[in-house]
Amino acid sequence: MRLWPALFAALAAAPAQAVELQFCWRGAAGYSMTGLMRFPDVLRDAALVTQDDITAFEITGWRHGERLGHWSLEALGPDTSWLLSFDPIAMRFPMTGIGVFQAWNAGGAVDDCGSPGFGFNAGNGGQDVCVDGRFVTESTIPWETPLYAGTTPVTPACDGAPKLSGTYPLRTPPAPT
């Protein structure tokens, strides 16, 4: 029966499964952002996934297809603006309420992404980007614009990205119990 402790140790050491999703945001004036995130598979049917659940995250900013900058969770520091909420059933980032809903290396003033740097912010003032420590006001789109994630690869032009409006279910929500 000495096999059981070794088996449990091997199972504990096995890598956990993760959900990996990609997303693409289209702002105004030719601005866009591509991104990738991962979170534990056990949260696939959770009501909400937050920044505390994310195991990998990166975004890259673009303007007319030219790279502006990049930010990843690996650069997260104590002063980094980092707020994320994601609905894994609807496969979308919620954009409702008062205040800031998403802050990915860009807080409420959208000017704290570093220089060089890139960040994204969504709040009741709109969805927009920060480039090199500057709030890029011309990138702003309405705050309620849906932002979906999916398994389809994306490009800076958001080719292959889930539709920006309407419903984009990648899977059927679990049946009520």
N, C-alpha and C. Protein backbone atom coordinates (compact mmCIF):
# COMPACT_ATOMS: atom_id res chain seq x y z
N MET A 1 0.80 -1.19 0.00
CA MET A 1 0.00 0.00 0.00
C MET A 1 0.85 1.26 0.00
N ARG A 2 2.15 1.14 -0.14
CA ARG A 2 3.02 2.32 -0.20
C ARG A 2 2.85 3.04 -1.54
N LEU A 3 2.13 2.46 -2.46
CA LEU A 3 1.90 3.05 -3.76
C LEU A 3 1.01 4.30 -3.67
N TRP A 4 0.05 4.31 -2.77
CA TRP A 4 -0.90 5.43 -2.67
C TRP A 4 -0.22 6.78 -2.41
N PRO A 5 0.70 6.90 -1.46
CA PRO A 5 1.34 8.22 -1.26
C PRO A 5 2.07 8.69 -2.52
N ALA A 6 2.73 7.78 -3.22
CA ALA A 6 3.45 8.17 -4.43
C ALA A 6 2.47 8.61 -5.52
N LEU A 7 1.32 7.91 -5.62
CA LEU A 7 0.31 8.27 -6.60
C LEU A 7 -0.28 9.64 -6.31
N PHE A 8 -0.61 9.92 -5.05
CA PHE A 8 -1.14 11.22 -4.68
C PHE A 8 -0.12 12.33 -4.93
N ALA A 9 1.13 12.07 -4.65
CA ALA A 9 2.18 13.07 -4.89
C ALA A 9 2.31 13.34 -6.39
N ALA A 10 2.22 12.32 -7.21
CA ALA A 10 2.31 12.51 -8.66
C ALA A 10 1.12 13.31 -9.18
N LEU A 11 -0.07 13.01 -8.68
CA LEU A 11 -1.26 13.76 -9.10
C LEU A 11 -1.18 15.21 -8.67
N ALA A 12 -0.68 15.47 -7.48
CA ALA A 12 -0.55 16.83 -6.99
C ALA A 12 0.47 17.61 -7.82
N ALA A 13 1.48 16.95 -8.32
CA ALA A 13 2.51 17.61 -9.11
C ALA A 13 2.09 17.82 -10.56
N ALA A 14 1.05 17.15 -11.00
CA ALA A 14 0.60 17.28 -12.38
C ALA A 14 0.08 18.69 -12.62
N PRO A 15 0.32 19.24 -13.79
CA PRO A 15 -0.13 20.60 -14.06
C PRO A 15 -1.66 20.68 -14.10
N ALA A 16 -2.20 21.76 -13.56
CA ALA A 16 -3.64 21.97 -13.59
C ALA A 16 -4.04 22.42 -14.99
N GLN A 17 -5.21 22.05 -15.41
CA GLN A 17 -5.71 22.48 -16.71
C GLN A 17 -6.10 23.94 -16.63
N ALA A 18 -5.91 24.66 -17.72
CA ALA A 18 -6.24 26.07 -17.75
C ALA A 18 -7.06 26.41 -18.99
N VAL A 19 -7.93 27.39 -18.82
CA VAL A 19 -8.67 27.95 -19.93
C VAL A 19 -7.78 29.04 -20.52
N GLU A 20 -7.58 29.03 -21.83
CA GLU A 20 -6.79 30.08 -22.49
C GLU A 20 -7.69 30.74 -23.53
N LEU A 21 -7.85 32.05 -23.39
CA LEU A 21 -8.73 32.80 -24.27
C LEU A 21 -7.98 33.98 -24.89
N GLN A 22 -8.42 34.36 -26.06
CA GLN A 22 -7.88 35.54 -26.74
C GLN A 22 -8.99 36.54 -26.95
N PHE A 23 -8.61 37.80 -27.05
CA PHE A 23 -9.61 38.84 -27.27
C PHE A 23 -8.99 39.96 -28.09
N CYS A 24 -9.86 40.74 -28.71
CA CYS A 24 -9.43 41.88 -29.49
C CYS A 24 -10.42 43.01 -29.29
N TRP A 25 -9.90 44.18 -28.99
CA TRP A 25 -10.71 45.38 -28.76
C TRP A 25 -10.46 46.36 -29.89
N ARG A 26 -11.53 46.95 -30.41
CA ARG A 26 -11.42 47.98 -31.43
C ARG A 26 -11.86 49.30 -30.85
N GLY A 27 -10.92 50.21 -30.73
CA GLY A 27 -11.23 51.55 -30.27
C GLY A 27 -11.46 52.47 -31.44
N ALA A 28 -11.53 53.76 -31.16
CA ALA A 28 -11.71 54.77 -32.20
C ALA A 28 -10.35 55.15 -32.79
N ALA A 29 -10.39 55.85 -33.90
CA ALA A 29 -9.22 56.44 -34.55
C ALA A 29 -8.13 55.43 -34.89
N GLY A 30 -8.51 54.18 -35.22
CA GLY A 30 -7.54 53.18 -35.65
C GLY A 30 -6.83 52.45 -34.53
N TYR A 31 -7.23 52.67 -33.28
CA TYR A 31 -6.60 51.98 -32.15
C TYR A 31 -7.24 50.62 -31.95
N SER A 32 -6.42 49.65 -31.59
CA SER A 32 -6.93 48.32 -31.25
C SER A 32 -5.99 47.70 -30.23
N MET A 33 -6.45 46.60 -29.67
CA MET A 33 -5.67 45.89 -28.66
C MET A 33 -5.95 44.40 -28.81
N THR A 34 -4.91 43.59 -28.80
CA THR A 34 -5.07 42.15 -28.78
C THR A 34 -4.63 41.66 -27.40
N GLY A 35 -5.19 40.55 -26.98
CA GLY A 35 -4.83 40.04 -25.66
C GLY A 35 -5.05 38.56 -25.52
N LEU A 36 -4.45 38.05 -24.46
CA LEU A 36 -4.54 36.63 -24.13
C LEU A 36 -4.62 36.53 -22.61
N MET A 37 -5.45 35.62 -22.12
CA MET A 37 -5.50 35.39 -20.67
C MET A 37 -5.73 33.91 -20.41
N ARG A 38 -5.28 33.50 -19.22
CA ARG A 38 -5.49 32.13 -18.74
C ARG A 38 -6.00 32.18 -17.32
N PHE A 39 -6.86 31.21 -17.01
CA PHE A 39 -7.32 31.01 -15.64
C PHE A 39 -7.62 29.53 -15.45
N PRO A 40 -7.65 29.05 -14.21
CA PRO A 40 -7.86 27.62 -13.97
C PRO A 40 -9.17 27.11 -14.56
N ASP A 41 -9.11 25.94 -15.14
CA ASP A 41 -10.26 25.30 -15.76
C ASP A 41 -11.43 25.14 -14.80
N VAL A 42 -11.15 24.98 -13.52
CA VAL A 42 -12.23 24.80 -12.54
C VAL A 42 -13.12 26.04 -12.46
N LEU A 43 -12.68 27.17 -13.00
CA LEU A 43 -13.48 28.41 -12.97
C LEU A 43 -14.28 28.61 -14.25
N ARG A 44 -14.26 27.64 -15.14
CA ARG A 44 -14.96 27.75 -16.42
C ARG A 44 -16.44 28.07 -16.25
N ASP A 45 -17.07 27.57 -15.21
CA ASP A 45 -18.50 27.81 -14.99
C ASP A 45 -18.76 28.72 -13.79
N ALA A 46 -17.74 29.46 -13.37
CA ALA A 46 -17.90 30.39 -12.24
C ALA A 46 -18.77 31.57 -12.66
N ALA A 47 -19.37 32.22 -11.70
CA ALA A 47 -20.17 33.42 -11.99
C ALA A 47 -19.27 34.56 -12.47
N LEU A 48 -18.06 34.64 -11.92
CA LEU A 48 -17.15 35.71 -12.29
C LEU A 48 -15.71 35.29 -12.03
N VAL A 49 -14.84 35.64 -12.94
CA VAL A 49 -13.40 35.46 -12.78
C VAL A 49 -12.83 36.86 -12.59
N THR A 50 -11.95 37.03 -11.60
CA THR A 50 -11.36 38.34 -11.34
C THR A 50 -9.85 38.31 -11.52
N GLN A 51 -9.23 39.46 -11.36
CA GLN A 51 -7.78 39.57 -11.49
C GLN A 51 -7.05 38.60 -10.56
N ASP A 52 -7.65 38.26 -9.44
CA ASP A 52 -7.02 37.33 -8.50
C ASP A 52 -6.98 35.89 -9.02
N ASP A 53 -7.81 35.59 -10.02
CA ASP A 53 -7.89 34.24 -10.58
C ASP A 53 -7.01 34.05 -11.81
N ILE A 54 -6.57 35.13 -12.41
CA ILE A 54 -5.84 35.07 -13.68
C ILE A 54 -4.42 34.57 -13.45
N THR A 55 -4.01 33.58 -14.24
CA THR A 55 -2.66 33.02 -14.11
C THR A 55 -1.70 33.53 -15.17
N ALA A 56 -2.22 34.01 -16.30
CA ALA A 56 -1.40 34.62 -17.34
C ALA A 56 -2.26 35.65 -18.06
N PHE A 57 -1.65 36.77 -18.40
CA PHE A 57 -2.39 37.85 -19.06
C PHE A 57 -1.41 38.73 -19.81
N GLU A 58 -1.77 39.09 -21.03
CA GLU A 58 -0.95 40.04 -21.77
C GLU A 58 -1.81 40.78 -22.78
N ILE A 59 -1.46 42.04 -23.02
CA ILE A 59 -2.13 42.85 -24.02
C ILE A 59 -1.08 43.56 -24.86
N THR A 60 -1.43 43.78 -26.12
CA THR A 60 -0.58 44.54 -27.03
C THR A 60 -1.44 45.58 -27.71
N GLY A 61 -0.96 46.82 -27.72
CA GLY A 61 -1.69 47.91 -28.35
C GLY A 61 -1.22 48.15 -29.77
N TRP A 62 -2.16 48.58 -30.60
CA TRP A 62 -1.90 48.81 -32.01
C TRP A 62 -2.58 50.09 -32.47
N ARG A 63 -2.05 50.72 -33.50
CA ARG A 63 -2.74 51.81 -34.19
C ARG A 63 -2.51 51.60 -35.67
N HIS A 64 -3.61 51.43 -36.39
CA HIS A 64 -3.55 51.13 -37.83
C HIS A 64 -2.58 49.98 -38.12
N GLY A 65 -2.59 48.97 -37.25
CA GLY A 65 -1.77 47.78 -37.44
C GLY A 65 -0.33 47.89 -37.00
N GLU A 66 0.09 49.05 -36.53
CA GLU A 66 1.47 49.22 -36.04
C GLU A 66 1.49 49.12 -34.52
N ARG A 67 2.44 48.35 -34.03
CA ARG A 67 2.55 48.07 -32.59
C ARG A 67 2.89 49.34 -31.81
N LEU A 68 2.12 49.56 -30.73
CA LEU A 68 2.33 50.72 -29.85
C LEU A 68 3.03 50.35 -28.56
N GLY A 69 2.73 49.18 -28.05
CA GLY A 69 3.29 48.76 -26.78
C GLY A 69 2.66 47.48 -26.30
N HIS A 70 3.15 47.02 -25.15
CA HIS A 70 2.74 45.72 -24.62
C HIS A 70 2.77 45.78 -23.10
N TRP A 71 1.91 44.98 -22.48
CA TRP A 71 1.95 44.82 -21.03
C TRP A 71 1.55 43.39 -20.71
N SER A 72 2.19 42.81 -19.72
CA SER A 72 1.81 41.46 -19.29
C SER A 72 1.78 41.41 -17.77
N LEU A 73 1.13 40.40 -17.27
CA LEU A 73 1.01 40.19 -15.84
C LEU A 73 2.38 40.04 -15.18
N GLU A 74 3.36 39.60 -15.94
CA GLU A 74 4.72 39.47 -15.41
C GLU A 74 5.29 40.82 -14.96
N ALA A 75 4.77 41.93 -15.50
CA ALA A 75 5.24 43.27 -15.13
C ALA A 75 4.43 43.88 -13.99
N LEU A 76 3.48 43.11 -13.44
CA LEU A 76 2.64 43.62 -12.35
C LEU A 76 3.49 43.99 -11.14
N GLY A 77 3.31 45.20 -10.67
CA GLY A 77 4.02 45.67 -9.48
C GLY A 77 3.02 46.24 -8.49
N PRO A 78 3.48 46.67 -7.33
CA PRO A 78 2.57 47.17 -6.29
C PRO A 78 1.82 48.44 -6.70
N ASP A 79 2.34 49.19 -7.65
CA ASP A 79 1.67 50.43 -8.08
C ASP A 79 0.92 50.29 -9.40
N THR A 80 0.89 49.08 -9.95
CA THR A 80 0.23 48.85 -11.24
C THR A 80 -1.29 48.85 -11.05
N SER A 81 -2.00 49.54 -11.93
CA SER A 81 -3.47 49.45 -11.96
C SER A 81 -3.84 48.10 -12.55
N TRP A 82 -4.55 47.28 -11.77
CA TRP A 82 -4.88 45.92 -12.21
C TRP A 82 -6.23 45.53 -11.64
N LEU A 83 -7.25 45.65 -12.46
CA LEU A 83 -8.62 45.29 -12.10
C LEU A 83 -9.22 44.60 -13.31
N LEU A 84 -9.69 43.39 -13.11
CA LEU A 84 -10.26 42.61 -14.21
C LEU A 84 -11.45 41.84 -13.69
N SER A 85 -12.50 41.83 -14.47
CA SER A 85 -13.62 40.94 -14.21
C SER A 85 -14.05 40.34 -15.55
N PHE A 86 -14.39 39.07 -15.50
CA PHE A 86 -14.74 38.34 -16.71
C PHE A 86 -15.82 37.34 -16.39
N ASP A 87 -16.84 37.29 -17.22
CA ASP A 87 -17.94 36.34 -17.08
C ASP A 87 -17.64 35.15 -17.99
N PRO A 88 -17.18 34.02 -17.44
CA PRO A 88 -16.80 32.89 -18.29
C PRO A 88 -17.98 32.16 -18.94
N ILE A 89 -19.18 32.38 -18.45
CA ILE A 89 -20.36 31.75 -19.08
C ILE A 89 -20.72 32.52 -20.35
N ALA A 90 -20.82 33.84 -20.24
CA ALA A 90 -21.15 34.67 -21.40
C ALA A 90 -19.91 34.95 -22.26
N MET A 91 -18.72 34.65 -21.72
CA MET A 91 -17.45 34.88 -22.42
C MET A 91 -17.24 36.36 -22.73
N ARG A 92 -17.56 37.21 -21.75
CA ARG A 92 -17.40 38.64 -21.96
C ARG A 92 -16.91 39.33 -20.70
N PHE A 93 -16.28 40.46 -20.91
CA PHE A 93 -15.84 41.32 -19.81
C PHE A 93 -17.01 42.24 -19.47
N PRO A 94 -17.55 42.17 -18.25
CA PRO A 94 -18.68 43.05 -17.89
C PRO A 94 -18.28 44.52 -17.97
N MET A 95 -19.15 45.32 -18.55
CA MET A 95 -18.91 46.75 -18.69
C MET A 95 -20.14 47.51 -18.17
N THR A 96 -20.43 47.32 -16.90
CA THR A 96 -21.61 47.98 -16.33
C THR A 96 -21.28 48.55 -14.96
N GLY A 97 -22.06 49.52 -14.56
CA GLY A 97 -21.89 50.08 -13.22
C GLY A 97 -21.30 51.48 -13.24
N ILE A 98 -20.88 51.92 -12.09
CA ILE A 98 -20.27 53.23 -11.93
C ILE A 98 -18.81 53.03 -11.57
N GLY A 99 -17.95 53.84 -12.13
CA GLY A 99 -16.53 53.75 -11.80
C GLY A 99 -15.74 53.05 -12.88
N VAL A 100 -14.67 52.37 -12.48
CA VAL A 100 -13.79 51.65 -13.40
C VAL A 100 -14.16 50.17 -13.36
N PHE A 101 -14.36 49.56 -14.55
CA PHE A 101 -14.72 48.14 -14.63
C PHE A 101 -13.51 47.28 -14.94
N GLN A 102 -12.61 47.79 -15.77
CA GLN A 102 -11.41 47.07 -16.17
C GLN A 102 -10.25 48.07 -16.10
N ALA A 103 -9.14 47.68 -15.52
CA ALA A 103 -7.95 48.55 -15.46
C ALA A 103 -6.73 47.67 -15.65
N TRP A 104 -6.27 47.59 -16.88
CA TRP A 104 -5.17 46.71 -17.24
C TRP A 104 -3.95 47.58 -17.51
N ASN A 105 -3.23 47.89 -16.47
CA ASN A 105 -2.08 48.78 -16.51
C ASN A 105 -2.47 50.20 -16.88
N ALA A 106 -3.72 50.58 -16.56
CA ALA A 106 -4.20 51.95 -16.78
C ALA A 106 -5.36 52.18 -15.82
N GLY A 107 -5.18 53.07 -14.86
CA GLY A 107 -6.21 53.37 -13.88
C GLY A 107 -7.23 54.35 -14.42
N GLY A 108 -8.00 54.93 -13.52
CA GLY A 108 -9.10 55.83 -13.89
C GLY A 108 -8.69 57.02 -14.72
N ALA A 109 -7.50 57.57 -14.50
CA ALA A 109 -7.04 58.71 -15.29
C ALA A 109 -6.39 58.27 -16.59
N VAL A 110 -6.18 56.99 -16.79
CA VAL A 110 -5.64 56.37 -18.00
C VAL A 110 -4.28 56.98 -18.38
N ASP A 111 -3.47 57.32 -17.39
CA ASP A 111 -2.18 57.94 -17.68
C ASP A 111 -1.04 57.32 -16.86
N ASP A 112 -1.26 56.13 -16.35
CA ASP A 112 -0.26 55.50 -15.47
C ASP A 112 0.29 54.19 -16.04
N CYS A 113 0.42 54.11 -17.37
CA CYS A 113 0.89 52.87 -17.99
C CYS A 113 2.40 52.82 -18.16
N GLY A 114 3.10 53.84 -17.73
CA GLY A 114 4.56 53.86 -17.84
C GLY A 114 5.00 54.40 -19.19
N SER A 115 6.27 54.73 -19.27
CA SER A 115 6.83 55.24 -20.51
C SER A 115 8.21 54.63 -20.71
N PRO A 116 8.40 53.75 -21.66
CA PRO A 116 7.37 53.30 -22.60
C PRO A 116 6.36 52.40 -21.89
N GLY A 117 5.17 52.36 -22.43
CA GLY A 117 4.15 51.54 -21.80
C GLY A 117 2.85 51.52 -22.57
N PHE A 118 2.00 50.56 -22.20
CA PHE A 118 0.68 50.43 -22.80
C PHE A 118 -0.29 49.92 -21.74
N GLY A 119 -1.52 50.43 -21.75
CA GLY A 119 -2.55 49.98 -20.84
C GLY A 119 -3.93 50.21 -21.41
N PHE A 120 -4.91 49.56 -20.82
CA PHE A 120 -6.32 49.66 -21.24
C PHE A 120 -7.17 49.94 -20.02
N ASN A 121 -8.20 50.74 -20.22
CA ASN A 121 -9.11 51.10 -19.14
C ASN A 121 -10.53 51.10 -19.67
N ALA A 122 -11.46 50.61 -18.88
CA ALA A 122 -12.88 50.70 -19.21
C ALA A 122 -13.62 51.12 -17.96
N GLY A 123 -14.37 52.18 -18.09
CA GLY A 123 -15.16 52.70 -16.98
C GLY A 123 -16.30 53.52 -17.52
N ASN A 124 -17.03 54.16 -16.63
CA ASN A 124 -18.21 54.89 -17.08
C ASN A 124 -17.86 56.10 -17.95
N GLY A 125 -16.58 56.46 -18.08
CA GLY A 125 -16.15 57.52 -18.99
C GLY A 125 -15.85 57.00 -20.39
N GLY A 126 -15.80 55.68 -20.58
CA GLY A 126 -15.52 55.09 -21.87
C GLY A 126 -14.47 54.00 -21.77
N GLN A 127 -14.17 53.40 -22.90
CA GLN A 127 -13.10 52.42 -23.02
C GLN A 127 -12.00 53.07 -23.84
N ASP A 128 -10.75 53.02 -23.34
CA ASP A 128 -9.68 53.72 -24.01
C ASP A 128 -8.33 53.15 -23.61
N VAL A 129 -7.28 53.69 -24.21
CA VAL A 129 -5.94 53.19 -23.95
C VAL A 129 -5.02 54.29 -23.45
N CYS A 130 -3.94 53.83 -22.83
CA CYS A 130 -2.83 54.66 -22.37
C CYS A 130 -1.61 54.22 -23.17
N VAL A 131 -0.89 55.17 -23.73
CA VAL A 131 0.34 54.86 -24.46
C VAL A 131 1.44 55.77 -23.93
N ASP A 132 2.52 55.17 -23.48
CA ASP A 132 3.68 55.91 -22.97
C ASP A 132 3.29 56.96 -21.93
N GLY A 133 2.45 56.55 -20.98
CA GLY A 133 2.06 57.42 -19.88
C GLY A 133 1.08 58.51 -20.26
N ARG A 134 0.44 58.39 -21.42
CA ARG A 134 -0.49 59.42 -21.88
C ARG A 134 -1.87 58.82 -22.17
N PHE A 135 -2.90 59.47 -21.67
CA PHE A 135 -4.28 59.10 -21.96
C PHE A 135 -4.57 59.45 -23.41
N VAL A 136 -4.85 58.44 -24.23
CA VAL A 136 -5.11 58.65 -25.65
C VAL A 136 -6.62 58.83 -25.82
N THR A 137 -7.08 60.06 -25.66
CA THR A 137 -8.52 60.35 -25.69
C THR A 137 -9.17 59.97 -27.02
N GLU A 138 -8.43 60.10 -28.12
CA GLU A 138 -9.01 59.78 -29.42
C GLU A 138 -9.31 58.30 -29.60
N SER A 139 -8.83 57.44 -28.70
CA SER A 139 -9.11 56.01 -28.77
C SER A 139 -10.46 55.65 -28.13
N THR A 140 -11.06 56.57 -27.42
CA THR A 140 -12.24 56.29 -26.59
C THR A 140 -13.46 55.86 -27.40
N ILE A 141 -14.10 54.78 -26.92
CA ILE A 141 -15.39 54.32 -27.45
C ILE A 141 -16.36 54.25 -26.27
N PRO A 142 -17.66 54.14 -26.52
CA PRO A 142 -18.64 54.10 -25.43
C PRO A 142 -18.35 52.99 -24.42
N TRP A 143 -18.57 53.31 -23.14
CA TRP A 143 -18.25 52.37 -22.05
C TRP A 143 -19.02 51.07 -22.16
N GLU A 144 -20.21 51.09 -22.71
CA GLU A 144 -21.05 49.89 -22.72
C GLU A 144 -20.77 48.96 -23.90
N THR A 145 -19.80 49.28 -24.75
CA THR A 145 -19.46 48.43 -25.89
C THR A 145 -19.01 47.06 -25.38
N PRO A 146 -19.65 45.98 -25.82
CA PRO A 146 -19.26 44.64 -25.35
C PRO A 146 -17.84 44.27 -25.78
N LEU A 147 -17.17 43.55 -24.93
CA LEU A 147 -15.85 43.01 -25.24
C LEU A 147 -15.87 41.52 -24.88
N TYR A 148 -15.75 40.69 -25.90
CA TYR A 148 -15.82 39.24 -25.74
C TYR A 148 -14.45 38.61 -25.85
N ALA A 149 -14.32 37.41 -25.36
CA ALA A 149 -13.10 36.61 -25.51
C ALA A 149 -13.50 35.27 -26.10
N GLY A 150 -12.55 34.61 -26.73
CA GLY A 150 -12.82 33.31 -27.32
C GLY A 150 -11.54 32.55 -27.57
N THR A 151 -11.68 31.42 -28.20
CA THR A 151 -10.52 30.57 -28.47
C THR A 151 -9.92 30.82 -29.85
N THR A 152 -10.58 31.64 -30.65
CA THR A 152 -10.14 31.95 -32.00
C THR A 152 -8.96 32.91 -31.97
N PRO A 153 -7.89 32.64 -32.70
CA PRO A 153 -6.77 33.60 -32.77
C PRO A 153 -7.25 34.94 -33.32
N VAL A 154 -6.62 36.02 -32.88
CA VAL A 154 -7.00 37.36 -33.30
C VAL A 154 -5.81 38.08 -33.93
N THR A 155 -6.11 39.13 -34.67
CA THR A 155 -5.09 39.97 -35.29
C THR A 155 -5.31 41.41 -34.82
N PRO A 156 -4.35 42.31 -35.04
CA PRO A 156 -4.55 43.71 -34.65
C PRO A 156 -5.78 44.36 -35.29
N ALA A 157 -6.22 43.84 -36.43
CA ALA A 157 -7.43 44.36 -37.07
C ALA A 157 -8.69 43.71 -36.49
N CYS A 158 -8.48 42.85 -35.50
CA CYS A 158 -9.57 42.09 -34.85
C CYS A 158 -10.21 41.08 -35.79
N ASP A 159 -9.47 40.64 -36.79
CA ASP A 159 -9.95 39.55 -37.65
C ASP A 159 -10.05 38.30 -36.80
N GLY A 160 -11.13 37.58 -36.96
CA GLY A 160 -11.31 36.34 -36.22
C GLY A 160 -11.81 36.56 -34.81
N ALA A 161 -11.92 37.81 -34.39
CA ALA A 161 -12.37 38.09 -33.02
C ALA A 161 -13.88 37.89 -32.92
N PRO A 162 -14.34 37.56 -31.72
CA PRO A 162 -15.78 37.49 -31.51
C PRO A 162 -16.41 38.83 -31.85
N LYS A 163 -17.64 38.80 -32.29
CA LYS A 163 -18.35 40.03 -32.63
C LYS A 163 -18.36 40.96 -31.43
N LEU A 164 -18.32 42.26 -31.71
CA LEU A 164 -18.29 43.24 -30.64
C LEU A 164 -19.66 43.52 -30.06
N SER A 165 -20.71 43.08 -30.71
CA SER A 165 -22.04 43.28 -30.15
C SER A 165 -22.86 42.02 -30.36
N GLY A 166 -23.95 41.94 -29.64
CA GLY A 166 -24.78 40.76 -29.74
C GLY A 166 -24.26 39.66 -28.83
N THR A 167 -24.72 38.47 -29.05
CA THR A 167 -24.33 37.35 -28.21
C THR A 167 -23.32 36.48 -28.95
N TYR A 168 -22.31 36.06 -28.24
CA TYR A 168 -21.29 35.19 -28.82
C TYR A 168 -21.02 34.03 -27.87
N PRO A 169 -21.96 33.11 -27.73
CA PRO A 169 -21.71 31.98 -26.82
C PRO A 169 -20.76 30.98 -27.45
N LEU A 170 -19.67 30.69 -26.76
CA LEU A 170 -18.75 29.67 -27.23
C LEU A 170 -19.17 28.30 -26.72
N ARG A 171 -20.02 28.31 -25.75
CA ARG A 171 -20.50 27.06 -25.20
C ARG A 171 -21.83 27.32 -24.53
N THR A 172 -22.58 26.30 -24.30
CA THR A 172 -23.88 26.44 -23.65
C THR A 172 -23.69 26.58 -22.15
N PRO A 173 -24.33 27.59 -21.54
CA PRO A 173 -24.23 27.72 -20.09
C PRO A 173 -24.74 26.46 -19.40
N PRO A 174 -24.24 26.17 -18.21
CA PRO A 174 -24.72 24.98 -17.50
C PRO A 174 -26.20 25.10 -17.17
N ALA A 175 -26.88 23.96 -17.18
CA ALA A 175 -28.30 23.94 -16.84
C ALA A 175 -28.48 24.26 -15.35
N PRO A 176 -29.56 25.00 -15.01
CA PRO A 176 -29.82 25.29 -13.60
C PRO A 176 -30.00 24.00 -12.80
N THR A 177 -29.54 24.00 -11.60
CA THR A 177 -29.68 22.81 -10.75
C THR A 177 -30.77 22.99 -9.74
